[in-house]
Amino acid sequence: MEQPEYNIQLGIEGEYITGIHIGSERSDQLARILLPENMETHTGKRYKV
């Protein structure tokens, strides 16, 4: 039986975790796009990838 796989990305600003993305993407490429978009939606700040 195949086990599920997860990709976890953390956004850190200074010493604080400002965002987290947990998804089932198989590579970091899509997660690197989704994390800053998610953080921008919730914090109102624009982040660079």
C-alpha atoms as a PDB file:
ATOM      1  CA  MET A   1       0.000   0.000   0.000  1.00  0.00           C
ATOM      2  CA  GLU A   2       1.295   3.464  -0.905  1.00  0.00           C
ATOM      3  CA  GLN A   3       1.852   5.894   1.957  1.00  0.00           C
ATOM      4  CA  PRO A   4       0.748   9.534   1.616  1.00  0.00           C
ATOM      5  CA  GLU A   5       3.528  12.078   1.252  1.00  0.00           C
ATOM      6  CA  TYR A   6       3.468  15.663   2.451  1.00  0.00           C
ATOM      7  CA  ASN A   7       5.513  18.737   1.666  1.00  0.00           C
ATOM      8  CA  ILE A   8       5.906  21.214   4.532  1.00  0.00           C
ATOM      9  CA  GLN A   9       7.171  24.764   3.972  1.00  0.00           C
ATOM     10  CA  LEU A  10       7.776  27.327   6.723  1.00  0.00           C
ATOM     11  CA  GLY A  11       7.997  31.085   6.263  1.00  0.00           C
ATOM     12  CA  ILE A  12      10.245  32.767   8.800  1.00  0.00           C
ATOM     13  CA  GLU A  13      10.694  36.485   9.409  1.00  0.00           C
ATOM     14  CA  GLY A  14      13.316  37.380  11.990  1.00  0.00           C
ATOM     15  CA  GLU A  15      12.868  34.779  14.701  1.00  0.00           C
ATOM     16  CA  TYR A  16       9.159  34.180  14.113  1.00  0.00           C
ATOM     17  CA  ILE A  17       7.307  31.663  11.978  1.00  0.00           C
ATOM     18  CA  THR A  18       5.035  33.848   9.848  1.00  0.00           C
ATOM     19  CA  GLY A  19       3.593  31.213   7.548  1.00  0.00           C
ATOM     20  CA  ILE A  20       3.232  27.515   6.978  1.00  0.00           C
ATOM     21  CA  HIS A  21       2.106  25.479   4.000  1.00  0.00           C
ATOM     22  CA  ILE A  22       1.379  21.763   4.217  1.00  0.00           C
ATOM     23  CA  GLY A  23       0.438  20.132   0.965  1.00  0.00           C
ATOM     24  CA  SER A  24       0.685  16.992  -1.087  1.00  0.00           C
ATOM     25  CA  GLU A  25       2.877  18.518  -3.811  1.00  0.00           C
ATOM     26  CA  ARG A  26       5.603  16.143  -4.925  1.00  0.00           C
ATOM     27  CA  SER A  27       8.175  18.886  -5.396  1.00  0.00           C
ATOM     28  CA  ASP A  28       9.140  22.146  -3.734  1.00  0.00           C
ATOM     29  CA  GLN A  29       8.494  24.174  -6.896  1.00  0.00           C
ATOM     30  CA  LEU A  30       4.731  24.520  -6.433  1.00  0.00           C
ATOM     31  CA  ALA A  31       5.015  24.857  -2.653  1.00  0.00           C
ATOM     32  CA  ARG A  32       7.475  27.739  -3.115  1.00  0.00           C
ATOM     33  CA  ILE A  33       4.769  29.592  -5.032  1.00  0.00           C
ATOM     34  CA  LEU A  34       1.874  28.753  -2.698  1.00  0.00           C
ATOM     35  CA  LEU A  35       3.560  29.704   0.592  1.00  0.00           C
ATOM     36  CA  PRO A  36       4.235  33.396  -0.245  1.00  0.00           C
ATOM     37  CA  GLU A  37       0.749  33.769  -1.757  1.00  0.00           C
ATOM     38  CA  ASN A  38      -0.806  32.309   1.401  1.00  0.00           C
ATOM     39  CA  MET A  39       1.316  34.549   3.641  1.00  0.00           C
ATOM     40  CA  GLU A  40       0.428  37.645   1.610  1.00  0.00           C
ATOM     41  CA  THR A  41      -3.279  36.855   1.926  1.00  0.00           C
ATOM     42  CA  HIS A  42      -3.086  36.500   5.714  1.00  0.00           C
ATOM     43  CA  THR A  43      -0.536  39.195   6.627  1.00  0.00           C
ATOM     44  CA  GLY A  44      -1.088  41.808   3.917  1.00  0.00           C
ATOM     45  CA  LYS A  45       2.685  41.875   3.253  1.00  0.00           C
ATOM     46  CA  ARG A  46       4.311  40.976  -0.066  1.00  0.00           C
ATOM     47  CA  TYR A  47       7.071  38.343   0.126  1.00  0.00           C
ATOM     48  CA  LYS A  48       9.741  37.448  -2.432  1.00  0.00           C
ATOM     49  CA  VAL A  49      10.418  33.872  -3.463  1.00  0.00           C
END
